[in-house]
């Protein structure tokens, strides 16, 4: 698979919580950080997302914010 998005993070699915319409997918990015994605339940099913499955987290955004403590 080739994609133009530059922010690609290899990860492993930890949990998938299915709702009627949406699914919450928790992944552990290589290096130990956690990312949570909200996707449609149909997409989660179609992608075969289950704990242990290797995935690529793709972040495509028009805005990224940074914050610091004063």
C-alpha atoms as a PDB file:
ATOM      1  CA  UNK A   1       0.000   0.000   0.000  1.00  0.00           C
ATOM      2  CA  UNK A   2       1.279   3.466  -0.880  1.00  0.00           C
ATOM      3  CA  UNK A   3      -0.261   6.623   0.542  1.00  0.00           C
ATOM      4  CA  UNK A   4       0.676  10.291   0.396  1.00  0.00           C
ATOM      5  CA  UNK A   5       0.200  11.027   4.107  1.00  0.00           C
ATOM      6  CA  UNK A   6       3.568  11.451   5.803  1.00  0.00           C
ATOM      7  CA  UNK A   7       2.501  10.868   9.393  1.00  0.00           C
ATOM      8  CA  UNK A   8       2.419   7.065   9.470  1.00  0.00           C
ATOM      9  CA  UNK A   9       2.980   5.190  12.730  1.00  0.00           C
ATOM     10  CA  UNK A  10       3.238   1.386  12.888  1.00  0.00           C
ATOM     11  CA  UNK A  11       1.143   0.020  15.744  1.00  0.00           C
ATOM     12  CA  UNK A  12      -0.620  -2.980  17.270  1.00  0.00           C
ATOM     13  CA  UNK A  13      -4.331  -3.104  18.098  1.00  0.00           C
ATOM     14  CA  UNK A  14      -4.882  -3.508  21.855  1.00  0.00           C
ATOM     15  CA  UNK A  15      -8.690  -3.256  22.159  1.00  0.00           C
ATOM     16  CA  UNK A  16     -11.725  -2.799  19.941  1.00  0.00           C
ATOM     17  CA  UNK A  17     -14.967  -1.660  21.582  1.00  0.00           C
ATOM     18  CA  UNK A  18     -17.841  -2.083  19.140  1.00  0.00           C
ATOM     19  CA  UNK A  19     -20.905   0.125  19.330  1.00  0.00           C
ATOM     20  CA  UNK A  20     -23.964   0.086  17.086  1.00  0.00           C
ATOM     21  CA  UNK A  21     -22.520   2.759  14.791  1.00  0.00           C
ATOM     22  CA  UNK A  22     -18.992   3.551  15.970  1.00  0.00           C
ATOM     23  CA  UNK A  23     -16.049   1.542  17.295  1.00  0.00           C
ATOM     24  CA  UNK A  24     -13.297   2.743  19.601  1.00  0.00           C
ATOM     25  CA  UNK A  25      -9.950   1.221  18.649  1.00  0.00           C
ATOM     26  CA  UNK A  26      -7.009   1.529  21.031  1.00  0.00           C
ATOM     27  CA  UNK A  27      -3.616   0.885  19.474  1.00  0.00           C
ATOM     28  CA  UNK A  28      -0.099   0.851  20.886  1.00  0.00           C
ATOM     29  CA  UNK A  29       2.304   2.640  18.586  1.00  0.00           C
ATOM     30  CA  UNK A  30       5.741   1.039  18.275  1.00  0.00           C
ATOM     31  CA  UNK A  31       7.652   2.700  21.101  1.00  0.00           C
ATOM     32  CA  UNK A  32       4.844   2.352  23.637  1.00  0.00           C
ATOM     33  CA  UNK A  33       2.525   5.317  23.119  1.00  0.00           C
ATOM     34  CA  UNK A  34      -1.231   4.807  22.899  1.00  0.00           C
ATOM     35  CA  UNK A  35      -3.509   6.226  20.218  1.00  0.00           C
ATOM     36  CA  UNK A  36      -7.303   5.950  20.252  1.00  0.00           C
ATOM     37  CA  UNK A  37      -9.278   6.082  17.011  1.00  0.00           C
ATOM     38  CA  UNK A  38     -13.045   6.373  16.592  1.00  0.00           C
ATOM     39  CA  UNK A  39     -14.122   4.734  13.342  1.00  0.00           C
ATOM     40  CA  UNK A  40     -17.342   3.223  12.075  1.00  0.00           C
ATOM     41  CA  UNK A  41     -18.166  -0.257  13.323  1.00  0.00           C
ATOM     42  CA  UNK A  42     -18.441  -1.366   9.690  1.00  0.00           C
ATOM     43  CA  UNK A  43     -14.891  -0.161   8.990  1.00  0.00           C
ATOM     44  CA  UNK A  44     -13.545  -1.993  12.044  1.00  0.00           C
ATOM     45  CA  UNK A  45     -15.260  -5.182  10.875  1.00  0.00           C
ATOM     46  CA  UNK A  46     -14.152  -4.770   7.262  1.00  0.00           C
ATOM     47  CA  UNK A  47     -10.530  -4.171   8.311  1.00  0.00           C
ATOM     48  CA  UNK A  48     -10.588  -7.215  10.582  1.00  0.00           C
ATOM     49  CA  UNK A  49      -9.444  -5.210  13.600  1.00  0.00           C
ATOM     50  CA  UNK A  50      -8.817  -7.496  16.562  1.00  0.00           C
ATOM     51  CA  UNK A  51      -6.320  -7.347  19.423  1.00  0.00           C
ATOM     52  CA  UNK A  52      -2.822  -8.203  18.205  1.00  0.00           C
ATOM     53  CA  UNK A  53      -3.460  -7.119  14.613  1.00  0.00           C
ATOM     54  CA  UNK A  54      -0.692  -4.953  13.145  1.00  0.00           C
ATOM     55  CA  UNK A  55      -1.924  -1.676  11.649  1.00  0.00           C
ATOM     56  CA  UNK A  56      -0.583   1.612  10.384  1.00  0.00           C
ATOM     57  CA  UNK A  57      -1.883   4.736  12.133  1.00  0.00           C
ATOM     58  CA  UNK A  58      -2.197   7.448   9.486  1.00  0.00           C
ATOM     59  CA  UNK A  59      -2.607  11.002  10.736  1.00  0.00           C
ATOM     60  CA  UNK A  60      -3.844  13.472   8.154  1.00  0.00           C
ATOM     61  CA  UNK A  61      -4.813  16.834   9.545  1.00  0.00           C
ATOM     62  CA  UNK A  62      -4.898  20.436   8.454  1.00  0.00           C
ATOM     63  CA  UNK A  63      -3.986  21.592  11.970  1.00  0.00           C
ATOM     64  CA  UNK A  64      -1.683  20.384  14.730  1.00  0.00           C
ATOM     65  CA  UNK A  65      -1.599  22.176  18.087  1.00  0.00           C
ATOM     66  CA  UNK A  66       1.154  22.211  20.704  1.00  0.00           C
ATOM     67  CA  UNK A  67       0.765  23.274  24.347  1.00  0.00           C
ATOM     68  CA  UNK A  68       3.187  23.985  27.182  1.00  0.00           C
ATOM     69  CA  UNK A  69       2.789  24.617  30.909  1.00  0.00           C
ATOM     70  CA  UNK A  70       3.538  28.206  31.970  1.00  0.00           C
END
